[in-house]
Protein backbone atom coordinates (compact mmCIF):
# COMPACT_ATOMS: atom_id res chain seq x y z
CA MET A 1 187.18 179.78 91.03
CA ARG A 2 187.01 183.22 92.07
CA LEU A 3 183.61 185.30 93.29
CA PRO A 4 184.69 188.67 93.11
CA HIS A 5 181.12 189.97 93.97
CA LEU A 6 180.88 187.91 97.17
CA TYR A 7 184.23 189.73 98.66
CA PRO A 8 182.69 191.84 100.82
CA LEU A 9 180.97 189.09 102.68
CA ALA A 10 184.58 188.01 104.63
CA PHE A 11 184.74 192.05 105.05
CA LEU A 12 181.26 191.65 107.49
CA ASN A 13 183.02 190.03 110.31
CA LYS A 14 186.25 192.12 110.57
CA PRO A 15 187.02 194.50 114.02
CA LEU A 16 186.41 198.02 112.28
CA SER A 17 182.75 199.01 112.03
CA ASP A 18 183.86 200.80 108.90
CA VAL A 19 184.95 197.75 106.90
CA ARG A 20 181.61 196.23 108.02
CA LEU A 21 179.97 199.72 107.19
CA ALA A 22 181.79 199.06 103.43
CA ALA A 23 180.75 196.07 102.67
CA LEU A 24 177.41 196.22 103.78
CA LEU A 25 177.26 199.23 101.10
CA ASN A 26 178.35 196.88 98.49
CA ILE A 27 177.61 193.50 98.79
CA PRO A 28 174.47 191.87 96.75
CA ILE A 29 171.61 190.99 98.50
CA THR A 30 171.28 187.53 97.61
CA ALA A 31 169.13 184.59 99.49
CA GLN A 32 172.96 183.33 100.93
CA THR A 33 174.49 187.02 101.40
CA LEU A 34 171.12 187.64 103.63
CA ILE A 35 171.70 185.86 106.59
CA ALA A 36 175.64 187.64 106.69
CA VAL A 37 173.54 190.70 106.46
CA LEU A 38 171.37 189.88 109.05
CA THR A 39 173.95 189.11 111.44
CA ARG A 40 174.75 192.51 111.46
CA THR A 41 172.02 193.25 112.93
CA ARG A 42 173.38 192.48 116.42
CA ASP A 43 176.35 194.34 115.83
CA VAL A 44 178.38 196.12 118.71
CA ASP A 45 178.37 199.67 116.79
CA MET A 46 174.96 201.70 116.18
CA THR A 47 175.86 202.55 112.96
CA VAL A 48 176.10 199.07 111.67
CA ARG A 49 172.38 198.42 112.95
CA ARG A 50 171.17 201.19 111.99
CA LEU A 51 172.74 201.05 108.31
CA VAL A 52 171.08 197.35 108.06
CA TYR A 53 167.76 198.58 108.54
CA GLY A 54 167.46 202.21 107.14
CA SER A 55 169.91 201.39 103.78
CA VAL A 56 170.53 198.04 103.14
CA LEU A 57 166.94 196.53 103.93
CA LEU A 58 165.11 199.29 103.61
CA ALA A 59 166.30 199.58 99.71
CA HIS A 60 165.79 195.77 98.57
CA ALA A 61 161.92 196.06 100.64
CA ASP A 62 159.99 197.59 97.53
CA LEU A 63 159.24 195.48 94.48
CA PRO A 64 159.15 197.57 91.31
CA ASP A 65 156.95 196.94 89.24
CA ASP A 66 156.00 193.52 86.92
CA ALA A 67 159.46 192.06 89.03
CA MET A 68 160.17 189.38 91.27
CA PRO A 69 160.71 190.17 94.78
CA GLY A 70 164.44 190.14 95.90
CA ALA A 71 165.87 188.22 98.45
CA ALA A 72 165.47 191.87 101.14
CA HIS A 73 161.31 191.25 100.72
CA PRO A 74 159.38 190.22 103.26
CA ARG A 75 157.88 188.22 100.88
CA ALA A 76 161.40 186.69 99.92
CA LEU A 77 162.10 186.14 103.67
CA THR A 78 161.34 183.42 105.97
CA ILE A 79 159.20 183.80 108.84
CA ALA A 80 161.81 183.61 111.41
CA GLN A 81 164.01 186.52 109.30
CA ARG A 82 161.37 189.17 109.10
CA GLU A 83 160.88 187.94 113.33
CA LYS A 84 164.20 188.36 113.88
CA ILE A 85 164.38 191.69 111.71
CA VAL A 86 161.16 193.29 113.92
CA ARG A 87 162.66 191.42 117.15
CA ASN A 88 165.91 192.75 117.21
CA GLY A 89 165.19 196.30 115.37
CA LEU A 90 162.61 197.39 117.46
CA GLY A 91 164.10 196.04 120.15
CA ASP A 92 167.39 197.67 120.04
CA ARG A 93 168.49 200.25 122.47
CA GLU A 94 169.32 203.13 120.16
CA PRO A 95 166.55 205.42 119.12
CA ALA A 96 168.37 205.56 115.77
CA VAL A 97 168.15 202.21 115.41
CA ARG A 98 164.69 201.69 116.21
CA ALA A 99 163.17 204.52 113.79
CA ALA A 100 165.30 202.98 111.10
CA ALA A 101 163.48 199.34 112.06
CA GLY A 102 160.24 201.12 112.25
CA LYS A 103 160.43 202.88 109.20
CA LEU A 104 161.39 199.42 107.26
CA ILE A 105 158.79 197.82 108.95
CA GLY A 106 155.65 200.09 107.32
CA ALA A 107 157.64 200.44 104.17
CA TRP A 108 156.82 196.92 104.29
CA VAL A 109 153.04 197.46 104.34
CA ASP A 110 153.22 199.13 100.64
CA ALA A 111 155.14 196.25 99.51
CA VAL A 112 153.07 193.31 100.60
CA SER A 113 150.55 195.62 98.90
CA VAL A 114 147.89 193.40 97.27
CA GLY A 115 145.71 196.39 95.70
CA THR A 116 147.10 199.73 93.83
CA LYS A 117 149.57 202.63 95.55
CA LYS A 118 146.02 203.47 96.71
CA GLY A 119 144.33 200.81 97.12
CA PRO A 120 142.14 199.77 100.11
CA VAL A 121 144.69 199.90 103.08
CA LEU A 122 143.01 197.48 104.80
CA GLU A 123 143.72 194.67 102.88
CA ASP A 124 147.29 196.34 102.43
CA VAL A 125 147.31 196.06 106.66
CA LEU A 126 145.91 192.50 106.56
CA ALA A 127 148.77 190.84 103.81
CA PHE A 128 150.93 192.05 106.00
CA LEU A 129 149.84 190.81 109.24
CA GLY A 130 149.61 187.45 106.57
CA THR A 131 153.33 187.60 106.44
CA PHE A 132 153.46 186.75 109.80
CA ASP A 133 153.17 184.00 112.13
CA LEU A 134 149.57 184.90 113.81
CA ARG A 135 149.36 181.99 116.22
CA GLU A 136 152.97 181.53 117.16
CA SER A 137 154.43 184.94 116.80
CA ALA A 138 155.38 187.57 119.56
CA VAL A 139 156.78 189.93 117.69
CA VAL A 140 152.89 190.62 115.35
CA GLU A 141 151.91 193.06 118.05
CA ASP A 142 154.89 195.31 118.09
CA ALA A 143 155.12 195.37 114.21
CA LEU A 144 151.47 196.25 114.06
CA LEU A 145 152.05 199.07 116.40
CA SER A 146 155.23 200.74 114.47
CA VAL A 147 153.39 200.59 111.77
CA PHE A 148 150.42 202.87 113.46
CA VAL A 149 153.57 205.18 114.73
CA THR A 150 155.79 205.40 111.77
CA ARG A 151 152.24 205.34 109.26
CA VAL A 152 150.07 207.53 110.46
CA ASP A 153 148.26 208.02 106.76
CA VAL A 154 147.90 203.96 106.80
CA PHE A 155 146.02 204.04 110.67
CA ASP A 156 144.36 207.06 109.33
CA ALA A 157 143.44 205.62 106.16
CA LEU A 158 142.02 202.28 107.96
CA GLU A 159 138.19 202.22 108.11
CA PHE A 160 136.35 199.08 110.12
CA ASP A 161 132.46 198.72 111.33
CA GLY A 162 133.51 198.68 115.02
CA ALA A 163 136.51 197.38 114.69
CA ARG A 164 138.61 200.45 114.57
CA LEU A 165 138.25 200.99 118.27
CA LEU A 166 140.53 197.66 118.30
CA PHE A 167 142.58 199.78 116.27
CA GLY A 168 142.80 202.81 117.87
CA PHE A 169 143.75 200.78 120.83
CA PHE A 170 146.71 199.60 119.38
CA TYR A 171 147.06 203.59 118.39
CA CYS A 172 146.94 204.68 122.03
CA ILE A 173 148.85 201.83 123.17
CA ALA A 174 151.75 202.78 120.40
CA SER A 175 151.83 206.24 121.23
CA GLU A 176 152.27 206.01 125.09
CA HIS A 177 155.80 203.68 123.63
CA ARG A 178 156.55 206.81 120.94
CA ALA A 179 156.52 208.88 124.33
CA ASP A 180 158.28 206.42 126.16
CA GLY A 181 161.23 206.97 123.63
CA PHE A 182 160.24 202.86 122.37
CA MET A 183 160.28 204.50 118.92
């Protein structure tokens, strides 16, 4: 039995980075192929790593109207997969990869949105935080800081009674990280 849609999967581990790039661009994202795609977040080639975040996962992060989430939608990913994406992406040594990962993480806020497109942002941020293990995760703080840096519109739209100081604190920390080349 031939599975031509899985042929690109065989090419993800080839030594030439151009072959891995072509495979990433042509592989259908399913639960079975996602594991192999996520291994490319630690690829030796910066272009491959950036492509995983900036093209492959980002293209499948949003949810069309009235559609079931695809394999790369944040709600379809396991907690471990989301944490791996955040840890590997924001912890990458290349600024371009960190920027692509930050853009993906920022898109997750819209992807898990509980309201309308112009709904309350606080509920969207809380829904985003709810996709992580808040007790055990070491990357939630990095993910939230990334959202504040890459999605200033989200930060500006947040309104709290007194708790805005807490988010302001996170934003200040994020600004320091951005100045240091964190994102």
